[in-house]
Full PDB file with SEQRES, HELIX, SHEET, SSBOND, CRYST1, ORIGX, SCALE, CONECT and MASTER records, all heavy atoms in Angstrom:
SEQRES   1 A   34  ILE ASP LYS GLU ASN ASP VAL LEU PRO SER MET PHE ILE          
SEQRES   2 A   34  LYS TYR SER LYS ASP ASP ASN ASN ALA MET SER LEU VAL          
SEQRES   3 A   34  ASN THR ASN LEU MET ASN LEU ALA                              
HELIX    1 AA1 SER A   10  PHE A   12  5                                   3    
HELIX    2 AA2 LYS A   17  LEU A   33  1                                  17    
CRYST1    1.000    1.000    1.000  90.00  90.00  90.00 P 1           1          
ORIGX1      1.000000  0.000000  0.000000        0.00000                         
ORIGX2      0.000000  1.000000  0.000000        0.00000                         
ORIGX3      0.000000  0.000000  1.000000        0.00000                         
SCALE1      1.000000  0.000000  0.000000        0.00000                         
SCALE2      0.000000  1.000000  0.000000        0.00000                         
SCALE3      0.000000  0.000000  1.000000        0.00000                         
ATOM      1  N   ILE A   1     -40.085 137.632-217.057  1.00  0.00           N  
ATOM      2  CA  ILE A   1     -40.925 137.224-215.933  1.00  0.00           C  
ATOM      3  C   ILE A   1     -41.993 136.252-216.409  1.00  0.00           C  
ATOM      4  O   ILE A   1     -42.655 136.469-217.426  1.00  0.00           O  
ATOM      5  CB  ILE A   1     -41.571 138.461-215.273  1.00  0.00           C  
ATOM      6  CG1 ILE A   1     -40.500 139.289-214.557  1.00  0.00           C  
ATOM      7  CG2 ILE A   1     -42.662 138.049-214.279  1.00  0.00           C  
ATOM      8  CD1 ILE A   1     -41.020 140.603-213.995  1.00  0.00           C  
ATOM      9  N   ASP A   2     -42.172 135.176-215.665  1.00  0.00           N  
ATOM     10  CA  ASP A   2     -43.208 134.192-215.964  1.00  0.00           C  
ATOM     11  C   ASP A   2     -44.549 134.740-215.474  1.00  0.00           C  
ATOM     12  O   ASP A   2     -44.875 134.642-214.288  1.00  0.00           O  
ATOM     13  CB  ASP A   2     -42.872 132.869-215.269  1.00  0.00           C  
ATOM     14  CG  ASP A   2     -43.870 131.758-215.581  1.00  0.00           C  
ATOM     15  OD1 ASP A   2     -44.940 132.053-216.154  1.00  0.00           O  
ATOM     16  OD2 ASP A   2     -43.578 130.590-215.241  1.00  0.00           O  
ATOM     17  N   LYS A   3     -45.303 135.335-216.382  1.00  0.00           N  
ATOM     18  CA  LYS A   3     -46.553 136.003-216.000  1.00  0.00           C  
ATOM     19  C   LYS A   3     -47.602 135.018-215.486  1.00  0.00           C  
ATOM     20  O   LYS A   3     -48.489 135.388-214.734  1.00  0.00           O  
ATOM     21  CB  LYS A   3     -47.134 136.770-217.204  1.00  0.00           C  
ATOM     22  CG  LYS A   3     -46.147 137.652-217.977  1.00  0.00           C  
ATOM     23  CD  LYS A   3     -45.510 138.722-217.148  1.00  0.00           C  
ATOM     24  CE  LYS A   3     -44.729 139.727-218.008  1.00  0.00           C  
ATOM     25  NZ  LYS A   3     -43.618 139.155-218.766  1.00  0.00           N  
ATOM     26  N   GLU A   4     -47.494 133.750-215.907  1.00  0.00           N  
ATOM     27  CA  GLU A   4     -48.491 132.754-215.499  1.00  0.00           C  
ATOM     28  C   GLU A   4     -48.262 132.261-214.075  1.00  0.00           C  
ATOM     29  O   GLU A   4     -49.218 131.960-213.356  1.00  0.00           O  
ATOM     30  CB  GLU A   4     -48.462 131.570-216.459  1.00  0.00           C  
ATOM     31  CG  GLU A   4     -48.906 131.898-217.872  1.00  0.00           C  
ATOM     32  CD  GLU A   4     -50.352 132.377-217.912  1.00  0.00           C  
ATOM     33  OE1 GLU A   4     -51.183 131.784-217.220  1.00  0.00           O  
ATOM     34  OE2 GLU A   4     -50.618 133.358-218.629  1.00  0.00           O  
ATOM     35  N   ASN A   5     -47.009 132.170-213.663  1.00  0.00           N  
ATOM     36  CA  ASN A   5     -46.698 131.516-212.388  1.00  0.00           C  
ATOM     37  C   ASN A   5     -46.007 132.401-211.365  1.00  0.00           C  
ATOM     38  O   ASN A   5     -45.901 132.019-210.197  1.00  0.00           O  
ATOM     39  CB  ASN A   5     -45.823 130.284-212.642  1.00  0.00           C  
ATOM     40  CG  ASN A   5     -46.527 129.239-213.485  1.00  0.00           C  
ATOM     41  OD1 ASN A   5     -47.589 128.743-213.111  1.00  0.00           O  
ATOM     42  ND2 ASN A   5     -45.947 128.909-214.632  1.00  0.00           N  
ATOM     43  N   ASP A   6     -45.524 133.576-211.769  1.00  0.00           N  
ATOM     44  CA  ASP A   6     -44.778 134.429-210.851  1.00  0.00           C  
ATOM     45  C   ASP A   6     -45.393 135.815-210.675  1.00  0.00           C  
ATOM     46  O   ASP A   6     -44.769 136.694-210.096  1.00  0.00           O  
ATOM     47  CB  ASP A   6     -43.321 134.582-211.328  1.00  0.00           C  
ATOM     48  CG  ASP A   6     -42.541 133.286-211.215  1.00  0.00           C  
ATOM     49  OD1 ASP A   6     -42.977 132.386-210.468  1.00  0.00           O  
ATOM     50  OD2 ASP A   6     -41.491 133.164-211.875  1.00  0.00           O  
ATOM     51  N   VAL A   7     -46.611 136.006-211.177  1.00  0.00           N  
ATOM     52  CA  VAL A   7     -47.314 137.278-211.003  1.00  0.00           C  
ATOM     53  C   VAL A   7     -48.630 137.004-210.298  1.00  0.00           C  
ATOM     54  O   VAL A   7     -49.411 136.146-210.721  1.00  0.00           O  
ATOM     55  CB  VAL A   7     -47.563 137.975-212.355  1.00  0.00           C  
ATOM     56  CG1 VAL A   7     -48.476 139.189-212.174  1.00  0.00           C  
ATOM     57  CG2 VAL A   7     -46.240 138.399-212.989  1.00  0.00           C  
ATOM     58  N   LEU A   8     -48.865 137.725-209.225  1.00  0.00           N  
ATOM     59  CA  LEU A   8     -50.079 137.528-208.429  1.00  0.00           C  
ATOM     60  C   LEU A   8     -51.211 138.368-209.006  1.00  0.00           C  
ATOM     61  O   LEU A   8     -51.139 139.604-208.974  1.00  0.00           O  
ATOM     62  CB  LEU A   8     -49.798 137.938-206.987  1.00  0.00           C  
ATOM     63  CG  LEU A   8     -50.728 137.455-205.887  1.00  0.00           C  
ATOM     64  CD1 LEU A   8     -50.788 135.940-205.843  1.00  0.00           C  
ATOM     65  CD2 LEU A   8     -50.254 138.009-204.545  1.00  0.00           C  
ATOM     66  N   PRO A   9     -52.273 137.760-209.543  1.00  0.00           N  
ATOM     67  CA  PRO A   9     -53.368 138.526-210.179  1.00  0.00           C  
ATOM     68  C   PRO A   9     -54.356 139.055-209.146  1.00  0.00           C  
ATOM     69  O   PRO A   9     -55.556 138.770-209.191  1.00  0.00           O  
ATOM     70  CB  PRO A   9     -54.006 137.480-211.098  1.00  0.00           C  
ATOM     71  CG  PRO A   9     -53.815 136.191-210.371  1.00  0.00           C  
ATOM     72  CD  PRO A   9     -52.488 136.300-209.660  1.00  0.00           C  
ATOM     73  N   SER A  10     -53.861 139.841-208.215  1.00  0.00           N  
ATOM     74  CA  SER A  10     -54.622 140.207-207.014  1.00  0.00           C  
ATOM     75  C   SER A  10     -55.988 140.806-207.300  1.00  0.00           C  
ATOM     76  O   SER A  10     -56.993 140.409-206.704  1.00  0.00           O  
ATOM     77  CB  SER A  10     -53.803 141.188-206.174  1.00  0.00           C  
ATOM     78  OG  SER A  10     -52.555 140.671-205.851  1.00  0.00           O  
ATOM     79  N   MET A  11     -56.031 141.796-208.197  1.00  0.00           N  
ATOM     80  CA  MET A  11     -57.286 142.517-208.358  1.00  0.00           C  
ATOM     81  C   MET A  11     -58.361 141.704-209.061  1.00  0.00           C  
ATOM     82  O   MET A  11     -59.528 142.068-209.047  1.00  0.00           O  
ATOM     83  CB  MET A  11     -57.042 143.832-209.101  1.00  0.00           C  
ATOM     84  CG  MET A  11     -56.646 143.693-210.542  1.00  0.00           C  
ATOM     85  SD  MET A  11     -56.554 145.326-211.340  1.00  0.00           S  
ATOM     86  CE  MET A  11     -55.307 146.125-210.359  1.00  0.00           C  
ATOM     87  N   PHE A  12     -57.986 140.594-209.671  1.00  0.00           N  
ATOM     88  CA  PHE A  12     -58.963 139.764-210.362  1.00  0.00           C  
ATOM     89  C   PHE A  12     -59.525 138.659-209.464  1.00  0.00           C  
ATOM     90  O   PHE A  12     -60.367 137.879-209.891  1.00  0.00           O  
ATOM     91  CB  PHE A  12     -58.327 139.143-211.607  1.00  0.00           C  
ATOM     92  CG  PHE A  12     -57.863 140.166-212.606  1.00  0.00           C  
ATOM     93  CD1 PHE A  12     -56.522 140.470-212.735  1.00  0.00           C  
ATOM     94  CD2 PHE A  12     -58.766 140.849-213.402  1.00  0.00           C  
ATOM     95  CE1 PHE A  12     -56.088 141.421-213.639  1.00  0.00           C  
ATOM     96  CE2 PHE A  12     -58.349 141.806-214.309  1.00  0.00           C  
ATOM     97  CZ  PHE A  12     -57.000 142.095-214.433  1.00  0.00           C  
ATOM     98  N   ILE A  13     -59.040 138.586-208.235  1.00  0.00           N  
ATOM     99  CA  ILE A  13     -59.481 137.543-207.313  1.00  0.00           C  
ATOM    100  C   ILE A  13     -60.349 138.173-206.222  1.00  0.00           C  
ATOM    101  O   ILE A  13     -59.943 139.128-205.568  1.00  0.00           O  
ATOM    102  CB  ILE A  13     -58.283 136.812-206.683  1.00  0.00           C  
ATOM    103  CG1 ILE A  13     -57.469 136.098-207.772  1.00  0.00           C  
ATOM    104  CG2 ILE A  13     -58.744 135.827-205.624  1.00  0.00           C  
ATOM    105  CD1 ILE A  13     -56.211 135.422-207.256  1.00  0.00           C  
ATOM    106  N   LYS A  14     -61.535 137.633-206.034  1.00  0.00           N  
ATOM    107  CA  LYS A  14     -62.438 138.103-204.996  1.00  0.00           C  
ATOM    108  C   LYS A  14     -62.601 137.012-203.944  1.00  0.00           C  
ATOM    109  O   LYS A  14     -62.797 135.835-204.272  1.00  0.00           O  
ATOM    110  CB  LYS A  14     -63.809 138.449-205.585  1.00  0.00           C  
ATOM    111  CG  LYS A  14     -63.777 139.582-206.615  1.00  0.00           C  
ATOM    112  CD  LYS A  14     -63.442 140.909-205.976  1.00  0.00           C  
ATOM    113  CE  LYS A  14     -63.472 142.033-207.008  1.00  0.00           C  
ATOM    114  NZ  LYS A  14     -63.123 143.342-206.414  1.00  0.00           N  
ATOM    115  N   TYR A  15     -62.544 137.418-202.684  1.00  0.00           N  
ATOM    116  CA  TYR A  15     -62.642 136.475-201.578  1.00  0.00           C  
ATOM    117  C   TYR A  15     -64.020 136.543-200.935  1.00  0.00           C  
ATOM    118  O   TYR A  15     -64.702 137.573-200.998  1.00  0.00           O  
ATOM    119  CB  TYR A  15     -61.573 136.783-200.527  1.00  0.00           C  
ATOM    120  CG  TYR A  15     -60.155 136.657-201.051  1.00  0.00           C  
ATOM    121  CD1 TYR A  15     -59.501 137.739-201.625  1.00  0.00           C  
ATOM    122  CD2 TYR A  15     -59.481 135.439-200.989  1.00  0.00           C  
ATOM    123  CE1 TYR A  15     -58.205 137.626-202.107  1.00  0.00           C  
ATOM    124  CE2 TYR A  15     -58.191 135.317-201.469  1.00  0.00           C  
ATOM    125  CZ  TYR A  15     -57.560 136.413-202.028  1.00  0.00           C  
ATOM    126  OH  TYR A  15     -56.278 136.293-202.516  1.00  0.00           O  
ATOM    127  N   SER A  16     -64.415 135.466-200.296  1.00  0.00           N  
ATOM    128  CA  SER A  16     -65.691 135.457-199.579  1.00  0.00           C  
ATOM    129  C   SER A  16     -65.609 136.391-198.376  1.00  0.00           C  
ATOM    130  O   SER A  16     -64.519 136.775-197.929  1.00  0.00           O  
ATOM    131  CB  SER A  16     -66.028 134.041-199.101  1.00  0.00           C  
ATOM    132  OG  SER A  16     -65.162 133.658-198.038  1.00  0.00           O  
ATOM    133  N   LYS A  17     -66.759 136.736-197.841  1.00  0.00           N  
ATOM    134  CA  LYS A  17     -66.800 137.629-196.685  1.00  0.00           C  
ATOM    135  C   LYS A  17     -65.996 137.068-195.524  1.00  0.00           C  
ATOM    136  O   LYS A  17     -65.190 137.783-194.913  1.00  0.00           O  
ATOM    137  CB  LYS A  17     -68.258 137.853-196.265  1.00  0.00           C  
ATOM    138  CG  LYS A  17     -68.415 138.663-194.981  1.00  0.00           C  
ATOM    139  CD  LYS A  17     -69.878 138.791-194.586  1.00  0.00           C  
ATOM    140  CE  LYS A  17     -70.019 139.512-193.249  1.00  0.00           C  
ATOM    141  NZ  LYS A  17     -71.451 139.614-192.848  1.00  0.00           N  
ATOM    142  N   ASP A  18     -66.198 135.807-195.208  1.00  0.00           N  
ATOM    143  CA  ASP A  18     -65.505 135.216-194.060  1.00  0.00           C  
ATOM    144  C   ASP A  18     -63.997 135.178-194.286  1.00  0.00           C  
ATOM    145  O   ASP A  18     -63.214 135.493-193.374  1.00  0.00           O  
ATOM    146  CB  ASP A  18     -66.030 133.804-193.800  1.00  0.00           C  
ATOM    147  CG  ASP A  18     -67.454 133.812-193.238  1.00  0.00           C  
ATOM    148  OD1 ASP A  18     -67.904 134.879-192.777  1.00  0.00           O  
ATOM    149  OD2 ASP A  18     -68.112 132.752-193.282  1.00  0.00           O  
ATOM    150  N   ASP A  19     -63.599 134.800-195.490  1.00  0.00           N  
ATOM    151  CA  ASP A  19     -62.160 134.741-195.779  1.00  0.00           C  
ATOM    152  C   ASP A  19     -61.553 136.141-195.794  1.00  0.00           C  
ATOM    153  O   ASP A  19     -60.432 136.345-195.312  1.00  0.00           O  
ATOM    154  CB  ASP A  19     -61.909 134.034-197.108  1.00  0.00           C  
ATOM    155  CG  ASP A  19     -62.122 132.527-197.015  1.00  0.00           C  
ATOM    156  OD1 ASP A  19     -62.007 131.986-195.899  1.00  0.00           O  
ATOM    157  OD2 ASP A  19     -62.401 131.899-198.049  1.00  0.00           O  
ATOM    158  N   ASN A  20     -62.296 137.108-196.336  1.00  0.00           N  
ATOM    159  CA  ASN A  20     -61.812 138.486-196.326  1.00  0.00           C  
ATOM    160  C   ASN A  20     -61.586 138.979-194.908  1.00  0.00           C  
ATOM    161  O   ASN A  20     -60.552 139.580-194.594  1.00  0.00           O  
ATOM    162  CB  ASN A  20     -62.825 139.395-197.028  1.00  0.00           C  
ATOM    163  CG  ASN A  20     -62.254 140.050-198.270  1.00  0.00           C  
ATOM    164  OD1 ASN A  20     -61.065 140.280-198.379  1.00  0.00           O  
ATOM    165  ND2 ASN A  20     -63.114 140.360-199.207  1.00  0.00           N  
ATOM    166  N   ASN A  21     -62.557 138.736-194.043  1.00  0.00           N  
ATOM    167  CA  ASN A  21     -62.448 139.192-192.660  1.00  0.00           C  
ATOM    168  C   ASN A  21     -61.275 138.526-191.953  1.00  0.00           C  
ATOM    169  O   ASN A  21     -60.519 139.172-191.216  1.00  0.00           O  
ATOM    170  CB  ASN A  21     -63.746 138.906-191.905  1.00  0.00           C  
ATOM    171  CG  ASN A  21     -64.872 139.839-192.320  1.00  0.00           C  
ATOM    172  OD1 ASN A  21     -64.634 140.920-192.850  1.00  0.00           O  
ATOM    173  ND2 ASN A  21     -66.113 139.427-192.091  1.00  0.00           N  
ATOM    174  N   ALA A  22     -61.140 137.215-192.164  1.00  0.00           N  
ATOM    175  CA  ALA A  22     -60.053 136.479-191.520  1.00  0.00           C  
ATOM    176  C   ALA A  22     -58.694 136.987-191.988  1.00  0.00           C  
ATOM    177  O   ALA A  22     -57.777 137.216-191.190  1.00  0.00           O  
ATOM    178  CB  ALA A  22     -60.195 134.984-191.804  1.00  0.00           C  
ATOM    179  N   MET A  23     -58.554 137.193-193.293  1.00  0.00           N  
ATOM    180  CA  MET A  23     -57.284 137.650-193.843  1.00  0.00           C  
ATOM    181  C   MET A  23     -56.973 139.084-193.403  1.00  0.00           C  
ATOM    182  O   MET A  23     -55.815 139.428-193.119  1.00  0.00           O  
ATOM    183  CB  MET A  23     -57.322 137.565-195.364  1.00  0.00           C  
ATOM    184  CG  MET A  23     -57.340 136.158-195.913  1.00  0.00           C  
ATOM    185  SD  MET A  23     -57.598 136.137-197.710  1.00  0.00           S  
ATOM    186  CE  MET A  23     -56.165 137.045-198.256  1.00  0.00           C  
ATOM    187  N   SER A  24     -57.992 139.920-193.347  1.00  0.00           N  
ATOM    188  CA  SER A  24     -57.787 141.311-192.979  1.00  0.00           C  
ATOM    189  C   SER A  24     -57.239 141.436-191.564  1.00  0.00           C  
ATOM    190  O   SER A  24     -56.316 142.226-191.303  1.00  0.00           O  
ATOM    191  CB  SER A  24     -59.109 142.080-193.103  1.00  0.00           C  
ATOM    192  OG  SER A  24     -58.938 143.435-192.765  1.00  0.00           O  
ATOM    193  N   LEU A  25     -57.762 140.658-190.662  1.00  0.00           N  
ATOM    194  CA  LEU A  25     -57.284 140.691-189.274  1.00  0.00           C  
ATOM    195  C   LEU A  25     -55.833 140.248-189.191  1.00  0.00           C  
ATOM    196  O   LEU A  25     -55.007 140.885-188.525  1.00  0.00           O  
ATOM    197  CB  LEU A  25     -58.163 139.800-188.397  1.00  0.00           C  
ATOM    198  CG  LEU A  25     -57.750 139.702-186.917  1.00  0.00           C  
ATOM    199  CD1 LEU A  25     -57.802 141.079-186.260  1.00  0.00           C  
ATOM    200  CD2 LEU A  25     -58.656 138.716-186.166  1.00  0.00           C  
ATOM    201  N   VAL A  26     -55.511 139.172-189.894  1.00  0.00           N  
ATOM    202  CA  VAL A  26     -54.132 138.683-189.894  1.00  0.00           C  
ATOM    203  C   VAL A  26     -53.202 139.722-190.513  1.00  0.00           C  
ATOM    204  O   VAL A  26     -52.114 139.994-189.984  1.00  0.00           O  
ATOM    205  CB  VAL A  26     -54.037 137.345-190.662  1.00  0.00           C  
ATOM    206  CG1 VAL A  26     -52.567 136.949-190.893  1.00  0.00           C  
ATOM    207  CG2 VAL A  26     -54.754 136.234-189.892  1.00  0.00           C  
ATOM    208  N   ASN A  27     -53.623 140.309-191.621  1.00  0.00           N  
ATOM    209  CA  ASN A  27     -52.763 141.279-192.300  1.00  0.00           C  
ATOM    210  C   ASN A  27     -52.507 142.514-191.452  1.00  0.00           C  
ATOM    211  O   ASN A  27     -51.410 143.075-191.465  1.00  0.00           O  
ATOM    212  CB  ASN A  27     -53.368 141.679-193.641  1.00  0.00           C  
ATOM    213  CG  ASN A  27     -53.224 140.596-194.691  1.00  0.00           C  
ATOM    214  OD1 ASN A  27     -52.307 139.786-194.646  1.00  0.00           O  
ATOM    215  ND2 ASN A  27     -54.144 140.569-195.646  1.00  0.00           N  
ATOM    216  N   THR A  28     -53.516 142.946-190.703  1.00  0.00           N  
ATOM    217  CA  THR A  28     -53.325 144.093-189.816  1.00  0.00           C  
ATOM    218  C   THR A  28     -52.262 143.797-188.777  1.00  0.00           C  
ATOM    219  O   THR A  28     -51.343 144.599-188.550  1.00  0.00           O  
ATOM    220  CB  THR A  28     -54.641 144.468-189.127  1.00  0.00           C  
ATOM    221  OG1 THR A  28     -55.599 144.866-190.110  1.00  0.00           O  
ATOM    222  CG2 THR A  28     -54.437 145.607-188.142  1.00  0.00           C  
ATOM    223  N   ASN A  29     -52.364 142.644-188.147  1.00  0.00           N  
ATOM    224  CA  ASN A  29     -51.383 142.268-187.128  1.00  0.00           C  
ATOM    225  C   ASN A  29     -50.010 142.004-187.747  1.00  0.00           C  
ATOM    226  O   ASN A  29     -48.977 142.322-187.143  1.00  0.00           O  
ATOM    227  CB  ASN A  29     -51.869 141.026-186.373  1.00  0.00           C  
ATOM    228  CG  ASN A  29     -53.111 141.313-185.548  1.00  0.00           C  
ATOM    229  OD1 ASN A  29     -53.317 142.438-185.093  1.00  0.00           O  
ATOM    230  ND2 ASN A  29     -53.950 140.305-185.346  1.00  0.00           N  
ATOM    231  N   LEU A  30     -50.016 141.417-188.943  1.00  0.00           N  
ATOM    232  CA  LEU A  30     -48.760 141.162-189.641  1.00  0.00           C  
ATOM    233  C   LEU A  30     -48.023 142.465-189.914  1.00  0.00           C  
ATOM    234  O   LEU A  30     -46.808 142.583-189.676  1.00  0.00           O  
ATOM    235  CB  LEU A  30     -49.040 140.423-190.952  1.00  0.00           C  
ATOM    236  CG  LEU A  30     -47.875 140.263-191.945  1.00  0.00           C  
ATOM    237  CD1 LEU A  30     -46.768 139.432-191.338  1.00  0.00           C  
ATOM    238  CD2 LEU A  30     -48.371 139.625-193.241  1.00  0.00           C  
ATOM    239  N   MET A  31     -48.727 143.467-190.431  1.00  0.00           N  
ATOM    240  CA  MET A  31     -48.084 144.731-190.751  1.00  0.00           C  
ATOM    241  C   MET A  31     -47.622 145.466-189.492  1.00  0.00           C  
ATOM    242  O   MET A  31     -46.564 146.105-189.486  1.00  0.00           O  
ATOM    243  CB  MET A  31     -49.033 145.626-191.560  1.00  0.00           C  
ATOM    244  CG  MET A  31     -49.294 145.128-192.973  1.00  0.00           C  
ATOM    245  SD  MET A  31     -47.782 144.971-193.970  1.00  0.00           S  
ATOM    246  CE  MET A  31     -47.439 143.212-193.780  1.00  0.00           C  
ATOM    247  N   ASN A  32     -48.407 145.384-188.432  1.00  0.00           N  
ATOM    248  CA  ASN A  32     -47.997 146.039-187.187  1.00  0.00           C  
ATOM    249  C   ASN A  32     -46.639 145.535-186.720  1.00  0.00           C  
ATOM    250  O   ASN A  32     -45.797 146.316-186.255  1.00  0.00           O  
ATOM    251  CB  ASN A  32     -49.040 145.801-186.094  1.00  0.00           C  
ATOM    252  CG  ASN A  32     -50.304 146.608-186.306  1.00  0.00           C  
ATOM    253  OD1 ASN A  32     -50.311 147.598-187.035  1.00  0.00           O  
ATOM    254  ND2 ASN A  32     -51.396 146.177-185.686  1.00  0.00           N  
ATOM    255  N   LEU A  33     -46.410 144.249-186.860  1.00  0.00           N  
ATOM    256  CA  LEU A  33     -45.132 143.669-186.441  1.00  0.00           C  
ATOM    257  C   LEU A  33     -44.053 143.871-187.492  1.00  0.00           C  
ATOM    258  O   LEU A  33     -42.957 144.377-187.199  1.00  0.00           O  
ATOM    259  CB  LEU A  33     -45.303 142.174-186.152  1.00  0.00           C  
ATOM    260  CG  LEU A  33     -44.014 141.386-185.845  1.00  0.00           C  
ATOM    261  CD1 LEU A  33     -43.301 141.973-184.630  1.00  0.00           C  
ATOM    262  CD2 LEU A  33     -44.340 139.908-185.620  1.00  0.00           C  
ATOM    263  N   ALA A  34     -44.349 143.503-188.731  1.00  0.00           N  
ATOM    264  CA  ALA A  34     -43.315 143.463-189.767  1.00  0.00           C  
ATOM    265  C   ALA A  34     -42.780 144.854-190.102  1.00  0.00           C  
ATOM    266  O   ALA A  34     -41.563 145.031-190.267  1.00  0.00           O  
ATOM    267  CB  ALA A  34     -43.860 142.792-191.025  1.00  0.00           C  
TER     268      ALA A  34                                                      
MASTER        0    0    0    2    0    0    0    6  267    1    0    3          
END                                                                             
Protein backbone atom coordinates (compact mmCIF):
# COMPACT_ATOMS: atom_id res chain seq x y z
CA ILE A 1 0.00 0.00 0.00
CA ASP A 2 1.23 3.47 -0.91
CA LYS A 3 1.07 5.05 2.54
CA GLU A 4 1.83 8.53 1.16
CA ASN A 5 -0.91 8.69 -1.46
CA ASP A 6 -3.49 5.99 -0.70
CA VAL A 7 -3.96 6.32 3.08
CA LEU A 8 -6.15 9.06 4.50
CA PRO A 9 -4.45 10.58 7.61
CA SER A 10 -7.82 11.49 9.10
CA MET A 11 -6.99 11.90 12.75
CA PHE A 12 -4.05 14.19 12.04
CA ILE A 13 -6.17 16.69 10.10
CA LYS A 14 -8.20 19.33 11.93
CA TYR A 15 -10.89 21.35 10.18
CA SER A 16 -12.11 24.86 10.92
CA LYS A 17 -15.40 25.31 12.74
CA ASP A 18 -17.26 26.39 9.61
CA ASP A 19 -15.87 23.57 7.50
CA ASN A 20 -16.56 21.04 10.26
CA ASN A 21 -20.17 22.16 10.52
CA ALA A 22 -20.66 22.13 6.76
CA MET A 23 -19.15 18.67 6.37
CA SER A 24 -21.05 17.25 9.33
CA LEU A 25 -24.41 18.24 7.87
CA VAL A 26 -23.54 16.73 4.50
CA ASN A 27 -22.24 13.54 6.09
CA THR A 28 -25.40 13.09 8.14
CA ASN A 29 -27.58 13.35 5.05
CA LEU A 30 -25.16 11.22 3.05
CA MET A 31 -25.31 8.39 5.57
CA ASN A 32 -29.09 8.58 5.87
CA LEU A 33 -29.36 7.88 2.15
CA ALA A 34 -26.37 5.65 1.48
